[in-house]
Amino acid sequence: MGVANIIHAYAPLVVSVGGAVALNNPELVLDPIRDRLDGMVMTNIPEVNLTDLGDEVVVKGAVASALTGGTGDRSRL
C-alpha cells in the first residue's frame, strides 16, 4: 500500500487524503486504509483524515509548488 510507504519515508503524525473519490466516498476510501495500516506500518500509526482543503486541494498544491519552486518551503514565498 502506497500510504504505508509514505508513512515509513516521512513518519507523519497525520495523513490527509483528498480528491473527488475520497471526498464523495470517505468510508470506502479511509476505512480500508485505517484497517490495513496496523499490519503494514512498523512505526507509529498516524491519524488518517479527509483533507480540510476540499475539492481545490490539487489546485492549491500546484500553486504552492509553483510559488516555492517545487520545495514546499514557505520561507521562499
N, C-alpha and C. Protein backbone atom coordinates (compact mmCIF):
# COMPACT_ATOMS: atom_id res chain seq x y z
N MET A 1 0.85 -1.18 0.00
CA MET A 1 0.00 0.00 0.00
C MET A 1 0.89 1.24 0.00
N GLY A 2 0.62 2.15 -0.91
CA GLY A 2 1.41 3.36 -1.05
C GLY A 2 1.41 4.23 0.19
N VAL A 3 0.30 4.25 0.92
CA VAL A 3 0.22 5.07 2.13
C VAL A 3 1.23 4.58 3.16
N ALA A 4 1.39 3.28 3.29
CA ALA A 4 2.37 2.73 4.23
C ALA A 4 3.78 3.15 3.84
N ASN A 5 4.09 3.18 2.56
CA ASN A 5 5.41 3.62 2.10
C ASN A 5 5.66 5.08 2.47
N ILE A 6 4.67 5.92 2.29
CA ILE A 6 4.78 7.34 2.65
C ILE A 6 5.02 7.48 4.16
N ILE A 7 4.29 6.69 4.94
CA ILE A 7 4.44 6.75 6.40
C ILE A 7 5.85 6.33 6.81
N HIS A 8 6.37 5.27 6.21
CA HIS A 8 7.74 4.84 6.54
C HIS A 8 8.78 5.87 6.10
N ALA A 9 8.54 6.53 4.99
CA ALA A 9 9.51 7.50 4.48
C ALA A 9 9.52 8.80 5.28
N TYR A 10 8.34 9.27 5.72
CA TYR A 10 8.25 10.60 6.32
C TYR A 10 7.80 10.63 7.77
N ALA A 11 7.27 9.53 8.30
CA ALA A 11 6.79 9.43 9.69
C ALA A 11 5.85 10.59 10.07
N PRO A 12 4.79 10.80 9.30
CA PRO A 12 3.88 11.90 9.64
C PRO A 12 3.01 11.53 10.85
N LEU A 13 2.51 12.56 11.52
CA LEU A 13 1.56 12.34 12.61
C LEU A 13 0.14 12.24 12.08
N VAL A 14 -0.10 12.89 10.94
CA VAL A 14 -1.43 12.90 10.32
C VAL A 14 -1.25 12.70 8.82
N VAL A 15 -2.10 11.87 8.23
CA VAL A 15 -2.15 11.71 6.78
C VAL A 15 -3.51 12.24 6.33
N SER A 16 -3.49 13.23 5.44
CA SER A 16 -4.72 13.79 4.90
C SER A 16 -4.93 13.25 3.50
N VAL A 17 -6.11 12.71 3.27
CA VAL A 17 -6.46 12.13 1.98
C VAL A 17 -7.46 13.06 1.31
N GLY A 18 -7.23 13.34 0.02
CA GLY A 18 -8.13 14.22 -0.71
C GLY A 18 -8.46 13.66 -2.07
N GLY A 19 -9.12 14.47 -2.85
CA GLY A 19 -9.54 14.06 -4.18
C GLY A 19 -11.04 13.79 -4.22
N ALA A 20 -11.59 13.83 -5.40
CA ALA A 20 -13.04 13.69 -5.56
C ALA A 20 -13.57 12.36 -5.05
N VAL A 21 -12.84 11.28 -5.32
CA VAL A 21 -13.32 9.96 -4.88
C VAL A 21 -13.37 9.90 -3.36
N ALA A 22 -12.30 10.33 -2.70
CA ALA A 22 -12.26 10.29 -1.24
C ALA A 22 -13.29 11.23 -0.62
N LEU A 23 -13.43 12.43 -1.18
CA LEU A 23 -14.37 13.39 -0.62
C LEU A 23 -15.82 12.94 -0.77
N ASN A 24 -16.12 12.22 -1.83
CA ASN A 24 -17.50 11.77 -2.05
C ASN A 24 -17.79 10.39 -1.47
N ASN A 25 -16.76 9.63 -1.10
CA ASN A 25 -16.92 8.28 -0.54
C ASN A 25 -15.92 8.04 0.59
N PRO A 26 -15.95 8.86 1.62
CA PRO A 26 -14.90 8.73 2.65
C PRO A 26 -14.83 7.36 3.30
N GLU A 27 -15.97 6.73 3.56
CA GLU A 27 -15.95 5.43 4.22
C GLU A 27 -15.35 4.35 3.33
N LEU A 28 -15.50 4.48 2.01
CA LEU A 28 -14.95 3.50 1.09
C LEU A 28 -13.45 3.68 0.87
N VAL A 29 -12.95 4.86 1.14
CA VAL A 29 -11.52 5.14 0.94
C VAL A 29 -10.75 5.09 2.27
N LEU A 30 -11.24 5.80 3.27
CA LEU A 30 -10.49 5.92 4.52
C LEU A 30 -10.52 4.66 5.39
N ASP A 31 -11.67 4.02 5.50
CA ASP A 31 -11.78 2.84 6.37
C ASP A 31 -10.83 1.71 5.97
N PRO A 32 -10.73 1.36 4.68
CA PRO A 32 -9.76 0.31 4.31
C PRO A 32 -8.31 0.69 4.60
N ILE A 33 -7.98 1.96 4.44
CA ILE A 33 -6.62 2.41 4.75
C ILE A 33 -6.36 2.23 6.24
N ARG A 34 -7.27 2.73 7.06
CA ARG A 34 -7.11 2.63 8.52
C ARG A 34 -7.04 1.17 8.97
N ASP A 35 -7.86 0.32 8.38
CA ASP A 35 -7.90 -1.09 8.77
C ASP A 35 -6.59 -1.81 8.47
N ARG A 36 -5.92 -1.46 7.40
CA ARG A 36 -4.72 -2.18 6.97
C ARG A 36 -3.41 -1.62 7.51
N LEU A 37 -3.42 -0.38 7.98
CA LEU A 37 -2.16 0.24 8.42
C LEU A 37 -1.51 -0.50 9.58
N ASP A 38 -2.29 -1.01 10.51
CA ASP A 38 -1.73 -1.66 11.68
C ASP A 38 -0.81 -2.84 11.30
N GLY A 39 -1.18 -3.57 10.28
CA GLY A 39 -0.37 -4.69 9.85
C GLY A 39 0.74 -4.35 8.88
N MET A 40 0.77 -3.11 8.40
CA MET A 40 1.75 -2.73 7.38
C MET A 40 2.80 -1.72 7.85
N VAL A 41 2.50 -1.01 8.91
CA VAL A 41 3.39 0.07 9.36
C VAL A 41 4.16 -0.38 10.59
N MET A 42 5.48 -0.19 10.55
CA MET A 42 6.34 -0.63 11.64
C MET A 42 6.66 0.48 12.63
N THR A 43 6.14 1.66 12.39
CA THR A 43 6.36 2.80 13.27
C THR A 43 5.02 3.21 13.85
N ASN A 44 4.96 4.40 14.42
CA ASN A 44 3.69 4.91 14.93
C ASN A 44 2.69 5.06 13.80
N ILE A 45 1.48 4.65 14.04
CA ILE A 45 0.44 4.76 13.02
C ILE A 45 -0.19 6.14 13.12
N PRO A 46 -0.14 6.91 12.04
CA PRO A 46 -0.70 8.26 12.08
C PRO A 46 -2.22 8.26 12.00
N GLU A 47 -2.77 9.38 12.33
CA GLU A 47 -4.20 9.61 12.17
C GLU A 47 -4.47 9.78 10.66
N VAL A 48 -5.50 9.16 10.15
CA VAL A 48 -5.84 9.27 8.73
C VAL A 48 -7.16 10.02 8.62
N ASN A 49 -7.13 11.19 7.98
CA ASN A 49 -8.30 12.06 7.89
C ASN A 49 -8.57 12.47 6.44
N LEU A 50 -9.76 12.96 6.23
CA LEU A 50 -10.13 13.59 4.97
C LEU A 50 -9.56 15.00 4.98
N THR A 51 -9.07 15.48 3.86
CA THR A 51 -8.48 16.82 3.80
C THR A 51 -9.47 17.91 4.17
N ASP A 52 -8.96 18.97 4.76
CA ASP A 52 -9.78 20.14 5.08
C ASP A 52 -9.85 21.09 3.89
N LEU A 53 -9.06 20.83 2.85
CA LEU A 53 -8.96 21.77 1.73
C LEU A 53 -10.02 21.58 0.66
N GLY A 54 -10.84 20.55 0.78
CA GLY A 54 -11.95 20.35 -0.15
C GLY A 54 -11.51 19.97 -1.55
N ASP A 55 -12.36 20.28 -2.52
CA ASP A 55 -12.12 19.91 -3.92
C ASP A 55 -10.94 20.63 -4.55
N GLU A 56 -10.52 21.73 -3.97
CA GLU A 56 -9.46 22.53 -4.58
C GLU A 56 -8.06 22.14 -4.10
N VAL A 57 -7.94 20.99 -3.44
CA VAL A 57 -6.66 20.60 -2.87
C VAL A 57 -5.57 20.49 -3.93
N VAL A 58 -5.89 19.98 -5.11
CA VAL A 58 -4.89 19.82 -6.17
C VAL A 58 -4.44 21.18 -6.69
N VAL A 59 -5.37 22.09 -6.88
CA VAL A 59 -5.03 23.43 -7.36
C VAL A 59 -4.17 24.15 -6.33
N LYS A 60 -4.55 24.06 -5.08
CA LYS A 60 -3.77 24.72 -4.02
C LYS A 60 -2.36 24.13 -3.92
N GLY A 61 -2.24 22.83 -4.07
CA GLY A 61 -0.93 22.19 -4.04
C GLY A 61 -0.07 22.60 -5.22
N ALA A 62 -0.68 22.71 -6.39
CA ALA A 62 0.06 23.13 -7.58
C ALA A 62 0.55 24.57 -7.44
N VAL A 63 -0.29 25.44 -6.90
CA VAL A 63 0.11 26.84 -6.70
C VAL A 63 1.24 26.91 -5.67
N ALA A 64 1.11 26.17 -4.58
CA ALA A 64 2.16 26.17 -3.56
C ALA A 64 3.47 25.66 -4.13
N SER A 65 3.40 24.63 -4.96
CA SER A 65 4.61 24.09 -5.59
C SER A 65 5.25 25.11 -6.52
N ALA A 66 4.42 25.79 -7.30
CA ALA A 66 4.94 26.79 -8.23
C ALA A 66 5.58 27.97 -7.49
N LEU A 67 4.94 28.41 -6.42
CA LEU A 67 5.46 29.56 -5.68
C LEU A 67 6.74 29.26 -4.91
N THR A 68 6.96 28.00 -4.57
CA THR A 68 8.15 27.65 -3.77
C THR A 68 9.19 26.91 -4.60
N GLY A 69 9.03 26.90 -5.90
CA GLY A 69 9.98 26.21 -6.77
C GLY A 69 9.97 24.71 -6.58
N GLY A 70 8.83 24.18 -6.18
CA GLY A 70 8.69 22.73 -6.01
C GLY A 70 9.17 22.20 -4.68
N THR A 71 9.60 23.07 -3.78
CA THR A 71 10.17 22.61 -2.50
C THR A 71 9.13 22.56 -1.39
N GLY A 72 8.08 23.37 -1.48
CA GLY A 72 7.11 23.47 -0.38
C GLY A 72 7.62 24.30 0.78
N ASP A 73 8.79 24.89 0.62
CA ASP A 73 9.41 25.69 1.68
C ASP A 73 8.75 27.06 1.74
N ARG A 74 7.99 27.29 2.79
CA ARG A 74 7.23 28.55 2.91
C ARG A 74 8.12 29.78 3.05
N SER A 75 9.37 29.59 3.46
CA SER A 75 10.27 30.73 3.58
C SER A 75 10.63 31.30 2.22
N ARG A 76 10.36 30.54 1.14
CA ARG A 76 10.67 31.02 -0.21
C ARG A 76 9.54 31.85 -0.81
N LEU A 77 8.46 32.04 -0.06
CA LEU A 77 7.32 32.84 -0.59
C LEU A 77 7.63 34.31 -0.58
